[in-house]
N, C-alpha and C. Protein backbone atom coordinates (compact mmCIF):
# COMPACT_ATOMS: atom_id res chain seq x y z
N MET A 1 138.51 127.85 148.93
CA MET A 1 137.67 127.42 147.80
C MET A 1 138.55 127.00 146.63
N SER A 2 138.45 125.73 146.26
CA SER A 2 139.24 125.24 145.12
C SER A 2 138.29 124.78 144.03
N ASN A 3 138.46 125.32 142.83
CA ASN A 3 137.61 124.90 141.72
C ASN A 3 138.40 123.94 140.85
N ALA A 4 138.63 122.74 141.37
CA ALA A 4 139.39 121.75 140.59
C ALA A 4 138.55 121.31 139.39
N GLY A 5 137.38 120.74 139.65
CA GLY A 5 136.54 120.28 138.55
C GLY A 5 135.15 120.86 138.65
N TYR A 6 134.93 121.68 139.68
CA TYR A 6 133.60 122.23 139.89
C TYR A 6 133.51 123.69 139.47
N GLY A 7 134.56 124.21 138.87
CA GLY A 7 134.59 125.63 138.48
C GLY A 7 133.46 125.97 137.53
N GLY A 8 133.39 125.27 136.39
CA GLY A 8 132.36 125.56 135.40
C GLY A 8 130.97 125.25 135.93
N PHE A 9 130.86 124.15 136.70
CA PHE A 9 129.55 123.75 137.19
C PHE A 9 128.99 124.77 138.17
N THR A 10 129.84 125.24 139.09
CA THR A 10 129.36 126.19 140.10
C THR A 10 128.99 127.52 139.46
N SER A 11 129.79 127.99 138.51
CA SER A 11 129.49 129.27 137.87
C SER A 11 128.19 129.17 137.08
N THR A 12 128.02 128.08 136.33
CA THR A 12 126.80 127.89 135.55
C THR A 12 125.61 127.73 136.49
N GLY A 13 125.78 126.98 137.56
CA GLY A 13 124.71 126.77 138.54
C GLY A 13 124.31 128.07 139.20
N ALA A 14 125.30 128.91 139.52
CA ALA A 14 125.02 130.19 140.16
C ALA A 14 124.21 131.09 139.23
N ILE A 15 124.62 131.14 137.96
CA ILE A 15 123.90 131.95 136.97
C ILE A 15 122.47 131.43 136.81
N LEU A 16 122.32 130.10 136.81
CA LEU A 16 120.99 129.51 136.65
C LEU A 16 120.11 129.87 137.84
N VAL A 17 120.66 129.76 139.05
CA VAL A 17 119.91 130.08 140.26
C VAL A 17 119.52 131.55 140.28
N LEU A 18 120.46 132.43 139.91
CA LEU A 18 120.17 133.86 139.88
C LEU A 18 119.07 134.17 138.87
N PHE A 19 119.11 133.48 137.73
CA PHE A 19 118.09 133.70 136.70
C PHE A 19 116.72 133.26 137.20
N ILE A 20 116.67 132.10 137.86
CA ILE A 20 115.40 131.59 138.40
C ILE A 20 114.86 132.54 139.46
N LEU A 21 115.74 133.02 140.35
CA LEU A 21 115.31 133.95 141.39
C LEU A 21 114.79 135.23 140.76
N LEU A 22 115.46 135.70 139.71
CA LEU A 22 115.03 136.92 139.04
C LEU A 22 113.64 136.74 138.44
N VAL A 23 113.39 135.59 137.83
CA VAL A 23 112.08 135.30 137.24
C VAL A 23 111.01 135.25 138.33
N ILE A 24 111.32 134.59 139.44
CA ILE A 24 110.36 134.47 140.54
C ILE A 24 110.02 135.85 141.10
N ILE A 25 111.05 136.68 141.30
CA ILE A 25 110.83 138.03 141.84
C ILE A 25 110.00 138.85 140.86
N SER A 26 110.31 138.74 139.57
CA SER A 26 109.57 139.50 138.56
C SER A 26 108.11 139.07 138.54
N CYS A 27 107.85 137.78 138.62
CA CYS A 27 106.47 137.28 138.61
C CYS A 27 105.74 137.76 139.86
N SER A 28 106.45 137.76 141.00
CA SER A 28 105.84 138.21 142.25
C SER A 28 105.48 139.69 142.16
N LEU A 29 106.35 140.49 141.56
CA LEU A 29 106.09 141.93 141.43
C LEU A 29 104.95 142.17 140.46
N CYS A 30 104.87 141.35 139.40
CA CYS A 30 103.81 141.53 138.41
C CYS A 30 102.46 141.21 139.03
N VAL A 31 102.41 140.15 139.80
CA VAL A 31 101.15 139.73 140.43
C VAL A 31 100.99 140.48 141.74
């Protein structure tokens, strides 16, 4: 795995995906 120019993008994307998954799981548990 080489993060030549995708280092910041992948980390930000991963955080965004984790946040979206967390919201979806929370909504599912609430409903």
